[in-house]
Amino acid sequence: MISIIGAGRVGSAVGFLAASTALDDIVLVNSTKNKAIGEALDITNAIPEGSPISVIGTDEFELIRDSKVVIISASKGKITTNRTDLLAANVPLAREIAQKIRKYNDNAKIVIVTNPLDIVTYTVLKETGFQRESVIGMGSSLDSSRFRYLLTKSLGANQSKIDGIVMGEHGDSMVPIFSNAKYDKKPVLNRLDQNEIARIREELRNYWKLLKTFKEASVFGAAKNAFDIAKAIVRDEQLQIPASVLLEGEYGLSDVCLGVPVTIGKSGVAKIDKLDLDWTELKSLNDSAEIIRNNIIKIKN
C-alpha cells in the first residue's frame, strides 16, 4: 500500500501515476475529506482492467497503517520570493503529519515533496525518530530533470543522451554538477563557455519562476519524481538519483539534509553514492548546506 498525505494537484498526480501502473493500493489522506474522496473516485478510473488495486480517499490517518511508502505533499501558502516563504506554515504542518505517521506506521518509508523540502525532510526525520534511510526528499531529482532539459536546449541535443545531476538545496543555492555532466558520454564542459554555464545555472535556480509565469507551480515533474522513488521502494528496484537525505560525514557534512546521489531500494536509501566534485562545486555544496542549517536554526528557535 502507498499513502499520499495531501490530495492536491501533486498528490493526486502521484496517485494517478501509481494507479495507472497498478503499483499498489493507494490511500489519499486530506484534511478536507470530500476532496480526498473526489480525487480517489477519479483516479480509480485509471486503474488498468484486471488490476486488483484500490484507491481510497479519507481524512483518517489510521488508514496509512499498512503502507510501505508514505508520500507527504500537503502544503499551505504560496511561494513568492523563494521556497523558504513556506517555512512558517509548512514546518508545523510537517511536524503534525510526522507525529501521526510515527503513531500509525513506524515501519513506513517517507518521501517528502513539501517545500521547503530539505528543511521539511529534516523536520520529519527528527519528529518521527526514523532511521535516516527511511526519510527521503525528492527535490534534487526534480532539479536534475530540469538541469538535463536546460542542457538539452543549450546544446541542441537529444535529451536521452544527456547525463547530469544537481546536488544541495532544493532552492536558490542548488548546485548543478557541470564537472560530471555529459552529452553522448563526453563532458559538456567541452561545449560550454563560462557565460553559458552561468546562464544555465541561473535558469535552473529560477525555473520555478518561469513555471509560475505560465502556471502556478510544478505538478507533473514533482509527481513523477516522487512516484519513481515510491516505485523503487515498492518493487525493490535499484534507482540511482540525487535526493535529500541526512548526512553523517558524507561530503564532509553532518546534521543537515540536502541533495546528494543515492541508491534507492526496498529499504529506502540503500547507500549514499560518492561523486567526485571540483573544488568550486564542493565549496558551493558547503555554502548550500550552511543556508539549510541556518533555516533549521530558525525552526528550532
C-alpha atoms as a PDB file:
ATOM      1  CA  MET A   1       0.000   0.000   0.000  1.00  0.00           C
ATOM      2  CA  ILE A   2       1.017   3.606  -0.718  1.00  0.00           C
ATOM      3  CA  SER A   3      -0.367   6.537   1.267  1.00  0.00           C
ATOM      4  CA  ILE A   4      -0.316  10.090  -0.032  1.00  0.00           C
ATOM      5  CA  ILE A   5      -0.759  12.891   2.500  1.00  0.00           C
ATOM      6  CA  GLY A   6      -2.251  15.826   0.639  1.00  0.00           C
ATOM      7  CA  ALA A   7      -4.705  15.268  -2.211  1.00  0.00           C
ATOM      8  CA  GLY A   8      -3.882  18.489  -4.039  1.00  0.00           C
ATOM      9  CA  ARG A   9      -2.517  18.665  -7.555  1.00  0.00           C
ATOM     10  CA  VAL A  10       0.833  16.973  -6.905  1.00  0.00           C
ATOM     11  CA  GLY A  11      -0.525  14.355  -4.503  1.00  0.00           C
ATOM     12  CA  SER A  12      -3.353  13.480  -6.878  1.00  0.00           C
ATOM     13  CA  ALA A  13      -0.928  13.272  -9.808  1.00  0.00           C
ATOM     14  CA  VAL A  14       1.238  10.828  -7.823  1.00  0.00           C
ATOM     15  CA  GLY A  15      -1.912   8.835  -7.101  1.00  0.00           C
ATOM     16  CA  PHE A  16      -2.806   8.791 -10.797  1.00  0.00           C
ATOM     17  CA  LEU A  17       0.664   7.519 -11.756  1.00  0.00           C
ATOM     18  CA  ALA A  18       0.530   4.811  -9.082  1.00  0.00           C
ATOM     19  CA  ALA A  19      -2.978   3.723 -10.079  1.00  0.00           C
ATOM     20  CA  SER A  20      -2.396   3.758 -13.836  1.00  0.00           C
ATOM     21  CA  THR A  21       0.640   1.495 -13.406  1.00  0.00           C
ATOM     22  CA  ALA A  22      -1.147  -0.687 -10.818  1.00  0.00           C
ATOM     23  CA  LEU A  23       1.748  -0.104  -8.431  1.00  0.00           C
ATOM     24  CA  ASP A  24      -0.135  -0.857  -5.204  1.00  0.00           C
ATOM     25  CA  ASP A  25      -3.258   0.005  -3.221  1.00  0.00           C
ATOM     26  CA  ILE A  26      -3.497   3.755  -2.623  1.00  0.00           C
ATOM     27  CA  VAL A  27      -4.796   5.794   0.300  1.00  0.00           C
ATOM     28  CA  LEU A  28      -5.272   9.524  -0.282  1.00  0.00           C
ATOM     29  CA  VAL A  29      -5.384  11.433   3.008  1.00  0.00           C
ATOM     30  CA  ASN A  30      -6.554  15.041   3.009  1.00  0.00           C
ATOM     31  CA  SER A  31      -7.711  17.459   5.684  1.00  0.00           C
ATOM     32  CA  THR A  32     -10.828  18.049   3.571  1.00  0.00           C
ATOM     33  CA  LYS A  33     -12.328  14.586   3.329  1.00  0.00           C
ATOM     34  CA  ASN A  34     -14.544  15.307   0.326  1.00  0.00           C
ATOM     35  CA  LYS A  35     -11.532  16.454  -1.686  1.00  0.00           C
ATOM     36  CA  ALA A  36      -9.787  13.141  -0.996  1.00  0.00           C
ATOM     37  CA  ILE A  37     -12.905  11.143  -1.854  1.00  0.00           C
ATOM     38  CA  GLY A  38     -13.410  13.048  -5.104  1.00  0.00           C
ATOM     39  CA  GLU A  39      -9.822  12.558  -6.260  1.00  0.00           C
ATOM     40  CA  ALA A  40      -9.985   8.864  -5.329  1.00  0.00           C
ATOM     41  CA  LEU A  41     -13.186   8.419  -7.341  1.00  0.00           C
ATOM     42  CA  ASP A  42     -11.493   9.983 -10.363  1.00  0.00           C
ATOM     43  CA  ILE A  43      -8.153   8.156 -10.015  1.00  0.00           C
ATOM     44  CA  THR A  44      -9.959   4.836  -9.630  1.00  0.00           C
ATOM     45  CA  ASN A  45     -10.973   5.103 -13.288  1.00  0.00           C
ATOM     46  CA  ALA A  46      -7.292   4.994 -14.292  1.00  0.00           C
ATOM     47  CA  ILE A  47      -6.698   1.537 -12.773  1.00  0.00           C
ATOM     48  CA  PRO A  48      -5.883  -0.956 -15.556  1.00  0.00           C
ATOM     49  CA  GLU A  49      -8.503  -3.570 -16.316  1.00  0.00           C
ATOM     50  CA  GLY A  50      -7.883  -6.729 -14.326  1.00  0.00           C
ATOM     51  CA  SER A  51      -5.811  -4.998 -11.649  1.00  0.00           C
ATOM     52  CA  PRO A  52      -6.793  -5.799  -8.038  1.00  0.00           C
ATOM     53  CA  ILE A  53      -5.604  -2.484  -6.548  1.00  0.00           C
ATOM     54  CA  SER A  54      -7.915   0.030  -4.903  1.00  0.00           C
ATOM     55  CA  VAL A  55      -7.908   3.791  -4.269  1.00  0.00           C
ATOM     56  CA  ILE A  56      -9.427   5.220  -1.085  1.00  0.00           C
ATOM     57  CA  GLY A  57      -9.953   8.868  -0.133  1.00  0.00           C
ATOM     58  CA  THR A  58     -10.133   9.777   3.548  1.00  0.00           C
ATOM     59  CA  ASP A  59      -9.224  12.222   6.309  1.00  0.00           C
ATOM     60  CA  GLU A  60      -8.344   9.391   8.728  1.00  0.00           C
ATOM     61  CA  PHE A  61      -4.630   8.836   9.296  1.00  0.00           C
ATOM     62  CA  GLU A  62      -5.309   5.422  10.786  1.00  0.00           C
ATOM     63  CA  LEU A  63      -5.705   4.057   7.250  1.00  0.00           C
ATOM     64  CA  ILE A  64      -1.993   4.535   6.485  1.00  0.00           C
ATOM     65  CA  ARG A  65      -1.218   1.698   8.886  1.00  0.00           C
ATOM     66  CA  ASP A  66      -0.175  -0.895   6.281  1.00  0.00           C
ATOM     67  CA  SER A  67       1.606   1.420   3.847  1.00  0.00           C
ATOM     68  CA  LYS A  68       5.084   0.598   2.612  1.00  0.00           C
ATOM     69  CA  VAL A  69       5.526   4.193   1.468  1.00  0.00           C
ATOM     70  CA  VAL A  70       4.010   7.441   2.741  1.00  0.00           C
ATOM     71  CA  ILE A  71       4.365  10.456   0.443  1.00  0.00           C
ATOM     72  CA  ILE A  72       3.960  13.889   2.029  1.00  0.00           C
ATOM     73  CA  SER A  73       2.772  16.502  -0.459  1.00  0.00           C
ATOM     74  CA  ALA A  74       0.498  18.552   1.813  1.00  0.00           C
ATOM     75  CA  SER A  75       1.276  22.262   1.825  1.00  0.00           C
ATOM     76  CA  LYS A  76      -0.018  25.641   2.935  1.00  0.00           C
ATOM     77  CA  GLY A  77       0.667  29.059   1.490  1.00  0.00           C
ATOM     78  CA  LYS A  78       2.347  30.177  -1.733  1.00  0.00           C
ATOM     79  CA  ILE A  79       5.914  30.849  -2.828  1.00  0.00           C
ATOM     80  CA  THR A  80       6.559  34.466  -3.778  1.00  0.00           C
ATOM     81  CA  THR A  81      10.312  35.082  -3.380  1.00  0.00           C
ATOM     82  CA  ASN A  82      11.723  31.587  -2.682  1.00  0.00           C
ATOM     83  CA  ARG A  83      10.707  28.258  -1.154  1.00  0.00           C
ATOM     84  CA  THR A  84      11.526  29.369   2.383  1.00  0.00           C
ATOM     85  CA  ASP A  85       8.435  31.585   2.177  1.00  0.00           C
ATOM     86  CA  LEU A  86       6.631  28.394   3.239  1.00  0.00           C
ATOM     87  CA  LEU A  87       8.784  27.812   6.316  1.00  0.00           C
ATOM     88  CA  ALA A  88       6.376  29.227   8.905  1.00  0.00           C
ATOM     89  CA  ALA A  89       3.342  27.373   7.540  1.00  0.00           C
ATOM     90  CA  ASN A  90       4.768  24.059   6.399  1.00  0.00           C
ATOM     91  CA  VAL A  91       7.188  23.138   9.184  1.00  0.00           C
ATOM     92  CA  PRO A  92       4.402  22.962  11.834  1.00  0.00           C
ATOM     93  CA  LEU A  93       2.281  21.059   9.319  1.00  0.00           C
ATOM     94  CA  ALA A  94       5.141  18.613   8.713  1.00  0.00           C
ATOM     95  CA  ARG A  95       5.588  18.091  12.468  1.00  0.00           C
ATOM     96  CA  GLU A  96       1.905  17.278  12.856  1.00  0.00           C
ATOM     97  CA  ILE A  97       1.963  14.811   9.948  1.00  0.00           C
ATOM     98  CA  ALA A  98       5.191  13.205  11.190  1.00  0.00           C
ATOM     99  CA  GLN A  99       3.669  12.586  14.616  1.00  0.00           C
ATOM    100  CA  LYS A 100       0.719  10.818  13.022  1.00  0.00           C
ATOM    101  CA  ILE A 101       2.958   8.690  10.814  1.00  0.00           C
ATOM    102  CA  ARG A 102       5.003   7.687  13.871  1.00  0.00           C
ATOM    103  CA  LYS A 103       1.775   6.786  15.693  1.00  0.00           C
ATOM    104  CA  TYR A 104       0.163   4.702  12.970  1.00  0.00           C
ATOM    105  CA  ASN A 105       3.028   3.323  10.865  1.00  0.00           C
ATOM    106  CA  ASP A 106       6.558   3.351  12.236  1.00  0.00           C
ATOM    107  CA  ASN A 107       7.793   0.997   9.509  1.00  0.00           C
ATOM    108  CA  ALA A 108       6.965   3.209   6.535  1.00  0.00           C
ATOM    109  CA  LYS A 109       9.444   4.798   4.159  1.00  0.00           C
ATOM    110  CA  ILE A 110       8.628   8.503   3.795  1.00  0.00           C
ATOM    111  CA  VAL A 111       9.016  10.537   0.601  1.00  0.00           C
ATOM    112  CA  ILE A 112       8.931  14.324   1.026  1.00  0.00           C
ATOM    113  CA  VAL A 113       7.544  16.645  -1.652  1.00  0.00           C
ATOM    114  CA  THR A 114       6.511  19.560   0.585  1.00  0.00           C
ATOM    115  CA  ASN A 115       8.637  22.724   0.477  1.00  0.00           C
ATOM    116  CA  PRO A 116      10.987  23.999   1.770  1.00  0.00           C
ATOM    117  CA  LEU A 117      11.964  20.445   1.008  1.00  0.00           C
ATOM    118  CA  ASP A 118      15.311  19.948   2.767  1.00  0.00           C
ATOM    119  CA  ILE A 119      14.070  21.578   5.965  1.00  0.00           C
ATOM    120  CA  VAL A 120      10.823  19.600   5.897  1.00  0.00           C
ATOM    121  CA  THR A 121      12.830  16.409   5.320  1.00  0.00           C
ATOM    122  CA  TYR A 122      14.985  17.208   8.359  1.00  0.00           C
ATOM    123  CA  THR A 123      11.900  18.069  10.427  1.00  0.00           C
ATOM    124  CA  VAL A 124      10.068  14.846   9.560  1.00  0.00           C
ATOM    125  CA  LEU A 125      13.182  12.766  10.233  1.00  0.00           C
ATOM    126  CA  LYS A 126      13.701  14.277  13.680  1.00  0.00           C
ATOM    127  CA  GLU A 127       9.999  14.267  14.596  1.00  0.00           C
ATOM    128  CA  THR A 128       9.462  10.607  13.666  1.00  0.00           C
ATOM    129  CA  GLY A 129      12.788   9.393  15.034  1.00  0.00           C
ATOM    130  CA  PHE A 130      13.080   7.127  11.988  1.00  0.00           C
ATOM    131  CA  GLN A 131      16.392   5.913  10.576  1.00  0.00           C
ATOM    132  CA  ARG A 132      17.840   8.333   8.029  1.00  0.00           C
ATOM    133  CA  GLU A 133      17.446   5.727   5.274  1.00  0.00           C
ATOM    134  CA  SER A 134      13.656   5.918   5.680  1.00  0.00           C
ATOM    135  CA  VAL A 135      13.082   9.643   5.032  1.00  0.00           C
ATOM    136  CA  ILE A 136      13.807  10.872   1.511  1.00  0.00           C
ATOM    137  CA  GLY A 137      13.293  14.312  -0.038  1.00  0.00           C
ATOM    138  CA  MET A 138      12.755  14.186  -3.789  1.00  0.00           C
ATOM    139  CA  GLY A 139      13.814  17.771  -4.685  1.00  0.00           C
ATOM    140  CA  SER A 140      17.235  17.272  -6.281  1.00  0.00           C
ATOM    141  CA  SER A 141      15.825  14.595  -8.556  1.00  0.00           C
ATOM    142  CA  LEU A 142      13.367  17.151  -9.953  1.00  0.00           C
ATOM    143  CA  ASP A 143      16.141  19.749 -10.215  1.00  0.00           C
ATOM    144  CA  SER A 144      18.254  17.248 -12.139  1.00  0.00           C
ATOM    145  CA  SER A 145      15.433  16.689 -14.638  1.00  0.00           C
ATOM    146  CA  ARG A 146      15.350  20.442 -15.197  1.00  0.00           C
ATOM    147  CA  PHE A 147      19.136  20.613 -15.498  1.00  0.00           C
ATOM    148  CA  ARG A 148      19.125  17.958 -18.221  1.00  0.00           C
ATOM    149  CA  TYR A 149      16.369  19.821 -20.049  1.00  0.00           C
ATOM    150  CA  LEU A 150      18.327  23.092 -19.967  1.00  0.00           C
ATOM    151  CA  LEU A 151      21.489  21.347 -21.171  1.00  0.00           C
ATOM    152  CA  THR A 152      19.467  19.801 -23.990  1.00  0.00           C
ATOM    153  CA  LYS A 153      18.254  23.246 -25.067  1.00  0.00           C
ATOM    154  CA  SER A 154      21.698  24.820 -24.880  1.00  0.00           C
ATOM    155  CA  LEU A 155      23.436  22.041 -26.773  1.00  0.00           C
ATOM    156  CA  GLY A 156      20.656  21.434 -29.295  1.00  0.00           C
ATOM    157  CA  ALA A 157      20.875  17.810 -28.232  1.00  0.00           C
ATOM    158  CA  ASN A 158      18.627  14.818 -27.739  1.00  0.00           C
ATOM    159  CA  GLN A 159      17.771  14.670 -24.025  1.00  0.00           C
ATOM    160  CA  SER A 160      18.226  10.889 -23.959  1.00  0.00           C
ATOM    161  CA  LYS A 161      21.961  11.481 -24.484  1.00  0.00           C
ATOM    162  CA  ILE A 162      22.334  13.929 -21.576  1.00  0.00           C
ATOM    163  CA  ASP A 163      23.570  12.899 -18.121  1.00  0.00           C
ATOM    164  CA  GLY A 164      23.610  15.441 -15.332  1.00  0.00           C
ATOM    165  CA  ILE A 165      22.674  15.828 -11.687  1.00  0.00           C
ATOM    166  CA  VAL A 166      22.045  18.605  -9.197  1.00  0.00           C
ATOM    167  CA  MET A 167      23.081  18.498  -5.539  1.00  0.00           C
ATOM    168  CA  GLY A 168      22.496  20.682  -2.495  1.00  0.00           C
ATOM    169  CA  GLU A 169      19.416  22.636  -1.520  1.00  0.00           C
ATOM    170  CA  HIS A 170      16.164  22.347  -3.445  1.00  0.00           C
ATOM    171  CA  GLY A 171      16.252  26.114  -3.605  1.00  0.00           C
ATOM    172  CA  ASP A 172      18.290  29.140  -4.614  1.00  0.00           C
ATOM    173  CA  SER A 173      21.640  27.590  -3.625  1.00  0.00           C
ATOM    174  CA  MET A 174      21.244  24.321  -5.581  1.00  0.00           C
ATOM    175  CA  VAL A 175      24.471  23.103  -7.205  1.00  0.00           C
ATOM    176  CA  PRO A 176      24.349  21.782 -10.786  1.00  0.00           C
ATOM    177  CA  ILE A 177      27.345  19.476 -11.222  1.00  0.00           C
ATOM    178  CA  PHE A 178      28.767  20.589 -14.567  1.00  0.00           C
ATOM    179  CA  SER A 179      32.035  18.726 -14.000  1.00  0.00           C
ATOM    180  CA  ASN A 180      30.176  15.416 -14.149  1.00  0.00           C
ATOM    181  CA  ALA A 181      27.580  16.291 -16.829  1.00  0.00           C
ATOM    182  CA  LYS A 182      27.915  14.539 -20.158  1.00  0.00           C
ATOM    183  CA  TYR A 183      26.467  14.679 -23.651  1.00  0.00           C
ATOM    184  CA  ASP A 184      26.802  11.424 -25.571  1.00  0.00           C
ATOM    185  CA  LYS A 185      29.221  10.263 -22.828  1.00  0.00           C
ATOM    186  CA  LYS A 186      31.503  13.268 -23.389  1.00  0.00           C
ATOM    187  CA  PRO A 187      31.926  16.147 -20.892  1.00  0.00           C
ATOM    188  CA  VAL A 188      29.545  19.032 -21.576  1.00  0.00           C
ATOM    189  CA  LEU A 189      32.283  21.418 -20.395  1.00  0.00           C
ATOM    190  CA  ASN A 190      33.954  20.784 -23.764  1.00  0.00           C
ATOM    191  CA  ARG A 191      30.976  22.509 -25.411  1.00  0.00           C
ATOM    192  CA  LEU A 192      30.005  25.252 -22.955  1.00  0.00           C
ATOM    193  CA  ASP A 193      31.774  28.517 -22.162  1.00  0.00           C
ATOM    194  CA  GLN A 194      31.611  30.254 -18.778  1.00  0.00           C
ATOM    195  CA  ASN A 195      28.799  32.570 -19.852  1.00  0.00           C
ATOM    196  CA  GLU A 196      26.671  29.622 -20.933  1.00  0.00           C
ATOM    197  CA  ILE A 197      27.388  27.813 -17.663  1.00  0.00           C
ATOM    198  CA  ALA A 198      26.371  30.869 -15.642  1.00  0.00           C
ATOM    199  CA  ARG A 199      23.184  31.285 -17.697  1.00  0.00           C
ATOM    200  CA  ILE A 200      22.151  27.633 -17.284  1.00  0.00           C
ATOM    201  CA  ARG A 201      22.824  27.795 -13.525  1.00  0.00           C
ATOM    202  CA  GLU A 202      20.682  30.919 -13.204  1.00  0.00           C
ATOM    203  CA  GLU A 203      17.867  29.485 -15.344  1.00  0.00           C
ATOM    204  CA  LEU A 204      17.900  26.299 -13.296  1.00  0.00           C
ATOM    205  CA  ARG A 205      17.636  28.114  -9.966  1.00  0.00           C
ATOM    206  CA  ASN A 206      14.807  30.259 -11.325  1.00  0.00           C
ATOM    207  CA  TYR A 207      12.980  27.506 -13.210  1.00  0.00           C
ATOM    208  CA  TRP A 208      10.095  27.682 -10.737  1.00  0.00           C
ATOM    209  CA  LYS A 209       9.633  31.362 -11.605  1.00  0.00           C
ATOM    210  CA  LEU A 210       9.347  30.528 -15.303  1.00  0.00           C
ATOM    211  CA  LEU A 211       6.738  27.910 -14.465  1.00  0.00           C
ATOM    212  CA  LYS A 212       4.865  30.419 -12.336  1.00  0.00           C
ATOM    213  CA  THR A 213       4.666  32.777 -15.315  1.00  0.00           C
ATOM    214  CA  PHE A 214       2.529  30.242 -17.163  1.00  0.00           C
ATOM    215  CA  LYS A 215       1.033  28.104 -14.380  1.00  0.00           C
ATOM    216  CA  GLU A 216       1.068  28.251 -10.598  1.00  0.00           C
ATOM    217  CA  ALA A 217       3.657  25.572  -9.806  1.00  0.00           C
ATOM    218  CA  SER A 218       5.200  22.287 -10.887  1.00  0.00           C
ATOM    219  CA  VAL A 219       2.771  19.373 -10.800  1.00  0.00           C
ATOM    220  CA  PHE A 220       3.784  16.610 -13.202  1.00  0.00           C
ATOM    221  CA  GLY A 221       7.557  16.880 -12.763  1.00  0.00           C
ATOM    222  CA  ALA A 222       7.289  16.794  -8.977  1.00  0.00           C
ATOM    223  CA  ALA A 223       4.757  13.966  -9.099  1.00  0.00           C
ATOM    224  CA  LYS A 224       6.786  11.813 -11.485  1.00  0.00           C
ATOM    225  CA  ASN A 225       9.969  12.121  -9.446  1.00  0.00           C
ATOM    226  CA  ALA A 226       8.136  11.279  -6.209  1.00  0.00           C
ATOM    227  CA  PHE A 227       6.415   8.345  -7.924  1.00  0.00           C
ATOM    228  CA  ASP A 228       9.758   6.984  -9.172  1.00  0.00           C
ATOM    229  CA  ILE A 229      11.071   6.832  -5.598  1.00  0.00           C
ATOM    230  CA  ALA A 230       7.914   5.120  -4.337  1.00  0.00           C
ATOM    231  CA  LYS A 231       8.051   2.590  -7.193  1.00  0.00           C
ATOM    232  CA  ALA A 232      11.692   1.770  -6.474  1.00  0.00           C
ATOM    233  CA  ILE A 233      10.808   1.035  -2.843  1.00  0.00           C
ATOM    234  CA  VAL A 234       7.659  -0.989  -3.548  1.00  0.00           C
ATOM    235  CA  ARG A 235       9.248  -3.047  -6.342  1.00  0.00           C
ATOM    236  CA  ASP A 236      12.761  -3.124  -4.866  1.00  0.00           C
ATOM    237  CA  GLU A 237      14.322  -1.535  -7.928  1.00  0.00           C
ATOM    238  CA  GLN A 238      17.786  -0.049  -7.671  1.00  0.00           C
ATOM    239  CA  LEU A 239      17.143   3.586  -8.544  1.00  0.00           C
ATOM    240  CA  GLN A 240      20.131   5.944  -8.690  1.00  0.00           C
ATOM    241  CA  ILE A 241      19.091   9.568  -8.251  1.00  0.00           C
ATOM    242  CA  PRO A 242      20.051  12.609  -6.197  1.00  0.00           C
ATOM    243  CA  ALA A 243      17.764  13.044  -3.192  1.00  0.00           C
ATOM    244  CA  SER A 244      17.722  14.933   0.093  1.00  0.00           C
ATOM    245  CA  VAL A 245      18.870  12.757   2.991  1.00  0.00           C
ATOM    246  CA  LEU A 246      20.548  13.306   6.334  1.00  0.00           C
ATOM    247  CA  LEU A 247      24.330  13.369   6.010  1.00  0.00           C
ATOM    248  CA  GLU A 248      26.601  11.938   8.675  1.00  0.00           C
ATOM    249  CA  GLY A 249      30.026  12.888   7.383  1.00  0.00           C
ATOM    250  CA  GLU A 250      29.465  12.281   3.675  1.00  0.00           C
ATOM    251  CA  TYR A 251      30.910  15.106   1.553  1.00  0.00           C
ATOM    252  CA  GLY A 252      32.319  16.485   4.818  1.00  0.00           C
ATOM    253  CA  LEU A 253      28.841  17.455   6.040  1.00  0.00           C
ATOM    254  CA  SER A 254      26.786  16.378   9.055  1.00  0.00           C
ATOM    255  CA  ASP A 255      23.400  17.022  10.670  1.00  0.00           C
ATOM    256  CA  VAL A 256      21.886  18.514   7.537  1.00  0.00           C
ATOM    257  CA  CYS A 257      19.542  17.174   4.846  1.00  0.00           C
ATOM    258  CA  LEU A 258      20.398  18.088   1.272  1.00  0.00           C
ATOM    259  CA  GLY A 259      20.513  16.541  -2.168  1.00  0.00           C
ATOM    260  CA  VAL A 260      23.265  14.002  -2.837  1.00  0.00           C
ATOM    261  CA  PRO A 261      23.493  10.965  -5.145  1.00  0.00           C
ATOM    262  CA  VAL A 262      21.816   7.928  -3.576  1.00  0.00           C
ATOM    263  CA  THR A 263      20.664   4.457  -4.493  1.00  0.00           C
ATOM    264  CA  ILE A 264      17.041   3.705  -3.580  1.00  0.00           C
ATOM    265  CA  GLY A 265      15.634   0.216  -2.927  1.00  0.00           C
ATOM    266  CA  LYS A 266      13.087  -1.528  -0.714  1.00  0.00           C
ATOM    267  CA  SER A 267      14.839  -0.326   2.446  1.00  0.00           C
ATOM    268  CA  GLY A 268      14.688   3.294   1.303  1.00  0.00           C
ATOM    269  CA  VAL A 269      18.180   4.730   0.875  1.00  0.00           C
ATOM    270  CA  ALA A 270      20.354   1.695   0.247  1.00  0.00           C
ATOM    271  CA  LYS A 271      23.507   3.819   0.082  1.00  0.00           C
ATOM    272  CA  ILE A 272      24.797   7.343  -0.386  1.00  0.00           C
ATOM    273  CA  ASP A 273      26.941   7.390  -3.507  1.00  0.00           C
ATOM    274  CA  LYS A 274      30.250   9.228  -3.721  1.00  0.00           C
ATOM    275  CA  LEU A 275      30.694  11.635  -6.609  1.00  0.00           C
ATOM    276  CA  ASP A 276      33.958  13.460  -7.263  1.00  0.00           C
ATOM    277  CA  LEU A 277      33.370  17.210  -7.319  1.00  0.00           C
ATOM    278  CA  ASP A 278      35.695  20.009  -8.351  1.00  0.00           C
ATOM    279  CA  TRP A 279      36.681  22.488  -5.648  1.00  0.00           C
ATOM    280  CA  THR A 280      34.178  25.152  -6.721  1.00  0.00           C
ATOM    281  CA  GLU A 281      31.308  22.649  -6.609  1.00  0.00           C
ATOM    282  CA  LEU A 282      32.407  21.370  -3.212  1.00  0.00           C
ATOM    283  CA  LYS A 283      32.540  24.935  -1.881  1.00  0.00           C
ATOM    284  CA  SER A 284      29.077  25.635  -3.335  1.00  0.00           C
ATOM    285  CA  LEU A 285      27.764  22.468  -1.701  1.00  0.00           C
ATOM    286  CA  ASN A 286      29.144  23.604   1.657  1.00  0.00           C
ATOM    287  CA  ASP A 287      27.587  27.035   1.158  1.00  0.00           C
ATOM    288  CA  SER A 288      24.260  25.392   0.308  1.00  0.00           C
ATOM    289  CA  ALA A 289      24.450  23.252   3.446  1.00  0.00           C
ATOM    290  CA  GLU A 290      25.105  26.352   5.557  1.00  0.00           C
ATOM    291  CA  ILE A 291      21.985  28.038   4.164  1.00  0.00           C
ATOM    292  CA  ILE A 292      19.893  24.987   5.050  1.00  0.00           C
ATOM    293  CA  ARG A 293      21.449  24.835   8.541  1.00  0.00           C
ATOM    294  CA  ASN A 294      20.603  28.479   9.160  1.00  0.00           C
ATOM    295  CA  ASN A 295      16.979  27.786   8.279  1.00  0.00           C
ATOM    296  CA  ILE A 296      16.961  24.729  10.549  1.00  0.00           C
ATOM    297  CA  ILE A 297      18.163  27.007  13.383  1.00  0.00           C
ATOM    298  CA  LYS A 298      15.200  29.299  12.689  1.00  0.00           C
ATOM    299  CA  ILE A 299      12.689  26.469  13.121  1.00  0.00           C
ATOM    300  CA  LYS A 300      14.402  25.258  16.281  1.00  0.00           C
ATOM    301  CA  ASN A 301      14.118  28.724  17.780  1.00  0.00           C
END
